Amino acid sequence: MKKLKLWILSVKIEWHWWFIMRIRRKGNSLLRKGMPLSSQKLYYLNRSLSSHSTKALKAQSAYSRLSKTL
């Protein structure tokens, strides 16, 4: 059962990291095109990035806690 939970947590981690990398690429592209840092688009991207980063970190800490008990 623990191996299944570890697998599910690893999928969650990869899922959130995929979104993080996608959002960062989108943000870098907007910045290269001259979008001001105070724009609404960058604000919403940053909010989404923060959300996925928090979820990824929580899943990573849960994964490390669970892997120590094996």
C-alpha atoms as a PDB file:
ATOM      1  CA  MET A   1       0.000   0.000   0.000  1.00  0.00           C
ATOM      2  CA  LYS A   2       2.874   2.370   0.765  1.00  0.00           C
ATOM      3  CA  LYS A   3       4.394   1.770  -2.651  1.00  0.00           C
ATOM      4  CA  LEU A   4       1.119   2.779  -4.261  1.00  0.00           C
ATOM      5  CA  LYS A   5       0.969   5.958  -2.165  1.00  0.00           C
ATOM      6  CA  LEU A   6       4.567   6.752  -3.094  1.00  0.00           C
ATOM      7  CA  TRP A   7       3.749   6.265  -6.756  1.00  0.00           C
ATOM      8  CA  ILE A   8       0.706   8.542  -6.509  1.00  0.00           C
ATOM      9  CA  LEU A   9       2.757  11.208  -4.737  1.00  0.00           C
ATOM     10  CA  SER A  10       5.476  11.001  -7.384  1.00  0.00           C
ATOM     11  CA  VAL A  11       2.865  11.465 -10.119  1.00  0.00           C
ATOM     12  CA  LYS A  12       1.503  14.527  -8.282  1.00  0.00           C
ATOM     13  CA  ILE A  13       5.007  15.961  -7.972  1.00  0.00           C
ATOM     14  CA  GLU A  14       5.722  15.476 -11.671  1.00  0.00           C
ATOM     15  CA  TRP A  15       2.313  16.904 -12.587  1.00  0.00           C
ATOM     16  CA  HIS A  16       2.909  20.115 -10.623  1.00  0.00           C
ATOM     17  CA  TRP A  17       6.474  20.466 -11.909  1.00  0.00           C
ATOM     18  CA  TRP A  18       5.171  20.177 -15.457  1.00  0.00           C
ATOM     19  CA  PHE A  19       2.851  23.111 -14.777  1.00  0.00           C
ATOM     20  CA  ILE A  20       5.642  25.072 -13.088  1.00  0.00           C
ATOM     21  CA  MET A  21       7.925  24.693 -16.100  1.00  0.00           C
ATOM     22  CA  ARG A  22       5.090  25.571 -18.494  1.00  0.00           C
ATOM     23  CA  ILE A  23       4.191  28.714 -16.540  1.00  0.00           C
ATOM     24  CA  ARG A  24       7.844  29.780 -16.353  1.00  0.00           C
ATOM     25  CA  ARG A  25       8.253  29.391 -20.122  1.00  0.00           C
ATOM     26  CA  LYS A  26       5.106  31.434 -20.697  1.00  0.00           C
ATOM     27  CA  GLY A  27       6.262  34.143 -18.278  1.00  0.00           C
ATOM     28  CA  ASN A  28       9.740  34.343 -19.804  1.00  0.00           C
ATOM     29  CA  SER A  29       8.200  34.644 -23.244  1.00  0.00           C
ATOM     30  CA  LEU A  30       5.976  37.510 -22.116  1.00  0.00           C
ATOM     31  CA  LEU A  31       8.933  39.283 -20.498  1.00  0.00           C
ATOM     32  CA  ARG A  32      11.035  38.925 -23.660  1.00  0.00           C
ATOM     33  CA  LYS A  33       8.200  40.493 -25.642  1.00  0.00           C
ATOM     34  CA  GLY A  34       8.314  43.542 -23.347  1.00  0.00           C
ATOM     35  CA  MET A  35       5.366  42.876 -21.054  1.00  0.00           C
ATOM     36  CA  PRO A  36       5.646  45.125 -17.965  1.00  0.00           C
ATOM     37  CA  LEU A  37       6.187  43.371 -14.639  1.00  0.00           C
ATOM     38  CA  SER A  38       3.042  44.971 -13.218  1.00  0.00           C
ATOM     39  CA  SER A  39       0.727  43.533 -15.906  1.00  0.00           C
ATOM     40  CA  GLN A  40      -2.342  41.478 -15.052  1.00  0.00           C
ATOM     41  CA  LYS A  41      -1.130  38.531 -17.151  1.00  0.00           C
ATOM     42  CA  LEU A  42       2.108  38.246 -15.178  1.00  0.00           C
ATOM     43  CA  TYR A  43       0.191  38.677 -11.934  1.00  0.00           C
ATOM     44  CA  TYR A  44      -2.087  35.740 -12.757  1.00  0.00           C
ATOM     45  CA  LEU A  45       0.840  33.633 -13.960  1.00  0.00           C
ATOM     46  CA  ASN A  46       2.683  34.331 -10.715  1.00  0.00           C
ATOM     47  CA  ARG A  47      -0.373  33.400  -8.679  1.00  0.00           C
ATOM     48  CA  SER A  48      -0.720  30.117 -10.543  1.00  0.00           C
ATOM     49  CA  LEU A  49       3.013  29.462 -10.209  1.00  0.00           C
ATOM     50  CA  SER A  50       2.873  30.002  -6.454  1.00  0.00           C
ATOM     51  CA  SER A  51      -0.056  27.636  -6.121  1.00  0.00           C
ATOM     52  CA  HIS A  52       1.620  24.827  -8.037  1.00  0.00           C
ATOM     53  CA  SER A  53       4.922  25.399  -6.231  1.00  0.00           C
ATOM     54  CA  THR A  54       3.252  25.061  -2.849  1.00  0.00           C
ATOM     55  CA  LYS A  55       1.456  21.884  -3.875  1.00  0.00           C
ATOM     56  CA  ALA A  56       4.666  20.392  -5.286  1.00  0.00           C
ATOM     57  CA  LEU A  57       6.589  21.146  -2.091  1.00  0.00           C
ATOM     58  CA  LYS A  58       3.860  19.618   0.073  1.00  0.00           C
ATOM     59  CA  ALA A  59       3.813  16.481  -2.061  1.00  0.00           C
ATOM     60  CA  GLN A  60       7.621  16.265  -1.941  1.00  0.00           C
ATOM     61  CA  SER A  61       7.699  16.502   1.846  1.00  0.00           C
ATOM     62  CA  ALA A  62       4.933  13.877   2.128  1.00  0.00           C
ATOM     63  CA  TYR A  63       6.893  11.632  -0.237  1.00  0.00           C
ATOM     64  CA  SER A  64      10.072  11.952   1.825  1.00  0.00           C
ATOM     65  CA  ARG A  65       8.196  11.292   5.093  1.00  0.00           C
ATOM     66  CA  LEU A  66       6.523   8.216   3.649  1.00  0.00           C
ATOM     67  CA  SER A  67       9.701   6.890   2.027  1.00  0.00           C
ATOM     68  CA  LYS A  68      11.529   7.010   5.382  1.00  0.00           C
ATOM     69  CA  THR A  69       8.971   4.647   6.894  1.00  0.00           C
ATOM     70  CA  LEU A  70       9.601   1.912   4.328  1.00  0.00           C
END
